């Protein structure tokens, strides 16, 4: 490989990396969610709550995306990290650049139109097969977050196009 090729890789590869899809922009639809503290009452029924996942506004969706996947997690508890509180998908029309991901009530299995369960919550105190388990650490200041992905699914193959995390808060 010649010096010109090496210099091209060094100087132009970063420009190529920036040409990839920009990170998603995600914000809460309900101002009660601030990313610092899980709102009062939005924790699990086991601890007296009536939890619902936060509705999300998602922007900068790559035009080729046809699904949004949201993984809800407890970063302080290994079993419930990496989507252990449920992974939920939503179909979107190709070309969509901004979408609203709906709030999902704890312990439900029936999803709204175009929304589906990718992986049910893994908590031992939630309803088996339920899409979402609300924060349930009993107020021990566990960190809750969601990973939001824009993907293209075609013929069973899923390609991740962009992703970002959003802090849900501590409970």
Protein backbone atom coordinates (compact mmCIF):
# COMPACT_ATOMS: atom_id res chain seq x y z
CA UNK A 1 0.00 0.00 0.00
CA UNK A 2 1.48 3.35 -1.03
CA UNK A 3 1.84 6.50 1.05
CA UNK A 4 -1.00 8.16 -0.87
CA UNK A 5 -3.37 5.30 0.03
CA UNK A 6 -2.35 5.37 3.69
CA UNK A 7 -2.81 9.15 3.85
CA UNK A 8 -6.21 8.76 2.20
CA UNK A 9 -7.28 6.31 4.88
CA UNK A 10 -5.98 8.54 7.68
CA UNK A 11 -7.41 11.82 6.38
CA UNK A 12 -10.57 10.71 4.60
CA UNK A 13 -11.74 7.77 6.73
CA UNK A 14 -12.99 10.12 9.48
CA UNK A 15 -15.06 11.99 6.88
CA UNK A 16 -16.54 8.66 5.79
CA UNK A 17 -17.40 7.81 9.41
CA UNK A 18 -19.28 11.09 9.74
CA UNK A 19 -21.21 10.30 6.58
CA UNK A 20 -22.86 7.40 8.44
CA UNK A 21 -26.29 7.96 9.99
CA UNK A 22 -26.37 10.62 12.69
CA UNK A 23 -27.36 9.46 16.16
CA UNK A 24 -31.05 9.42 16.90
CA UNK A 25 -32.44 12.32 18.91
CA UNK A 26 -34.80 11.07 21.62
CA UNK A 27 -36.87 13.10 24.08
CA UNK A 28 -39.75 12.43 26.45
CA UNK A 29 -43.33 13.25 25.41
CA UNK A 30 -44.32 13.74 29.07
CA UNK A 31 -42.49 16.47 31.02
CA UNK A 32 -42.78 14.39 34.23
CA UNK A 33 -39.95 12.26 32.86
CA UNK A 34 -36.73 14.25 33.31
CA UNK A 35 -34.07 11.54 33.03
CA UNK A 36 -32.95 12.17 36.61
CA UNK A 37 -35.65 10.56 38.74
CA UNK A 38 -38.36 8.11 37.66
CA UNK A 39 -41.62 10.07 38.13
CA UNK A 40 -43.72 9.30 41.19
CA UNK A 41 -46.03 6.36 40.56
CA UNK A 42 -44.22 5.20 37.41
CA UNK A 43 -42.66 2.26 39.22
CA UNK A 44 -43.92 -1.32 39.34
CA UNK A 45 -47.12 -2.54 40.96
CA UNK A 46 -45.06 -4.68 43.36
CA UNK A 47 -44.06 -1.44 45.11
CA UNK A 48 -47.45 0.30 44.79
CA UNK A 49 -46.92 2.00 41.43
CA UNK A 50 -48.90 2.00 38.21
CA UNK A 51 -45.96 2.20 35.83
CA UNK A 52 -46.10 3.04 32.18
CA UNK A 53 -43.08 3.40 29.93
CA UNK A 54 -42.41 6.97 28.84
CA UNK A 55 -43.70 8.01 25.44
CA UNK A 56 -40.75 9.05 23.27
CA UNK A 57 -40.26 11.49 20.41
CA UNK A 58 -37.60 10.08 18.09
CA UNK A 59 -35.95 12.27 15.44
CA UNK A 60 -33.08 11.91 12.94
CA UNK A 61 -34.42 8.51 11.89
CA UNK A 62 -32.55 7.31 8.80
CA UNK A 63 -34.90 7.24 5.78
CA UNK A 64 -34.27 3.54 5.15
CA UNK A 65 -35.44 2.55 8.65
CA UNK A 66 -38.72 0.64 8.82
CA UNK A 67 -38.74 -0.17 12.55
CA UNK A 68 -37.88 1.41 15.88
CA UNK A 69 -36.75 -0.96 18.65
CA UNK A 70 -36.68 0.22 22.28
CA UNK A 71 -34.94 -1.84 24.99
CA UNK A 72 -35.82 -0.92 28.60
CA UNK A 73 -33.11 -1.70 31.16
CA UNK A 74 -32.00 -1.53 34.78
CA UNK A 75 -28.29 -0.77 34.66
CA UNK A 76 -27.81 -1.82 38.29
CA UNK A 77 -29.15 -5.36 37.97
CA UNK A 78 -27.49 -7.68 35.44
CA UNK A 79 -30.54 -9.87 34.76
CA UNK A 80 -32.64 -6.80 33.93
CA UNK A 81 -29.97 -4.89 32.02
CA UNK A 82 -29.74 -5.00 28.21
CA UNK A 83 -33.50 -5.01 27.67
CA UNK A 84 -34.48 -7.05 30.70
CA UNK A 85 -37.43 -4.72 31.37
CA UNK A 86 -38.73 -5.53 27.88
CA UNK A 87 -37.81 -4.90 24.26
CA UNK A 88 -40.59 -3.40 22.17
CA UNK A 89 -40.66 -2.74 18.44
CA UNK A 90 -42.72 -0.40 16.28
CA UNK A 91 -43.17 -0.52 12.53
CA UNK A 92 -42.72 2.77 10.70
CA UNK A 93 -43.15 3.62 7.04
CA UNK A 94 -39.87 3.89 5.11
CA UNK A 95 -38.89 7.55 4.81
CA UNK A 96 -40.12 8.43 8.31
CA UNK A 97 -37.65 10.81 9.97
CA UNK A 98 -39.58 11.61 13.16
CA UNK A 99 -41.87 9.26 15.12
CA UNK A 100 -43.63 9.01 18.45
CA UNK A 101 -43.13 5.78 20.37
CA UNK A 102 -46.17 5.20 22.61
CA UNK A 103 -46.28 4.68 26.36
CA UNK A 104 -46.78 1.01 27.22
CA UNK A 105 -48.50 0.04 30.47
CA UNK A 106 -46.76 -2.43 32.72
CA UNK A 107 -47.73 -6.11 32.44
CA UNK A 108 -49.72 -5.95 29.20
CA UNK A 109 -49.36 -8.37 26.32
CA UNK A 110 -51.78 -6.72 23.85
CA UNK A 111 -49.90 -4.06 21.92
CA UNK A 112 -51.19 -0.99 20.08
CA UNK A 113 -51.39 -1.11 16.27
CA UNK A 114 -47.94 -1.43 14.62
CA UNK A 115 -46.28 -2.10 18.01
CA UNK A 116 -45.03 -5.56 18.98
CA UNK A 117 -43.05 -7.42 21.64
CA UNK A 118 -39.51 -8.28 20.57
CA UNK A 119 -38.60 -9.79 23.95
CA UNK A 120 -40.85 -9.91 27.02
CA UNK A 121 -39.66 -8.47 30.32
CA UNK A 122 -37.51 -10.84 32.39
CA UNK A 123 -38.48 -9.84 35.94
CA UNK A 124 -39.80 -12.54 38.20
CA UNK A 125 -42.52 -10.26 39.61
CA UNK A 126 -44.04 -9.10 36.32
CA UNK A 127 -46.67 -10.87 34.27
CA UNK A 128 -45.14 -13.64 32.16
CA UNK A 129 -44.94 -12.64 28.50
CA UNK A 130 -45.62 -8.97 29.26
CA UNK A 131 -43.98 -6.34 27.10
CA UNK A 132 -42.79 -3.99 29.84
CA UNK A 133 -41.94 -4.03 33.51
CA UNK A 134 -41.75 -0.63 35.16
CA UNK A 135 -38.77 0.30 37.39
CA UNK A 136 -38.99 -2.06 40.35
CA UNK A 137 -35.93 -1.70 42.59
CA UNK A 138 -37.99 -0.55 45.55
CA UNK A 139 -36.48 2.93 45.57
CA UNK A 140 -32.85 1.81 45.88
CA UNK A 141 -31.68 4.42 43.31
CA UNK A 142 -31.11 1.93 40.52
CA UNK A 143 -30.33 3.49 37.11
CA UNK A 144 -32.99 2.94 34.45
CA UNK A 145 -32.41 3.70 30.78
CA UNK A 146 -33.68 2.82 27.31
CA UNK A 147 -31.72 2.06 24.16
CA UNK A 148 -33.51 3.26 21.04
CA UNK A 149 -32.55 1.77 17.68
CA UNK A 150 -33.63 2.58 14.13
CA UNK A 151 -33.38 -0.58 12.03
CA UNK A 152 -34.22 -1.92 8.63
CA UNK A 153 -35.77 -5.37 8.62
CA UNK A 154 -36.03 -7.14 5.28
CA UNK A 155 -36.59 -10.84 4.69
CA UNK A 156 -35.75 -11.66 8.31
CA UNK A 157 -32.42 -9.80 8.28
CA UNK A 158 -32.17 -6.82 10.63
CA UNK A 159 -29.67 -4.03 10.01
CA UNK A 160 -29.12 -1.46 12.75
CA UNK A 161 -28.91 2.01 11.20
CA UNK A 162 -28.64 4.27 14.24
CA UNK A 163 -29.05 4.08 18.01
CA UNK A 164 -28.85 6.12 21.19
CA UNK A 165 -29.54 5.71 24.90
CA UNK A 166 -31.85 7.87 26.96
CA UNK A 167 -31.68 8.00 30.75
CA UNK A 168 -35.08 7.31 32.30
CA UNK A 169 -33.91 8.19 35.80
CA UNK A 170 -33.22 6.56 39.12
CA UNK A 171 -35.70 4.75 41.32
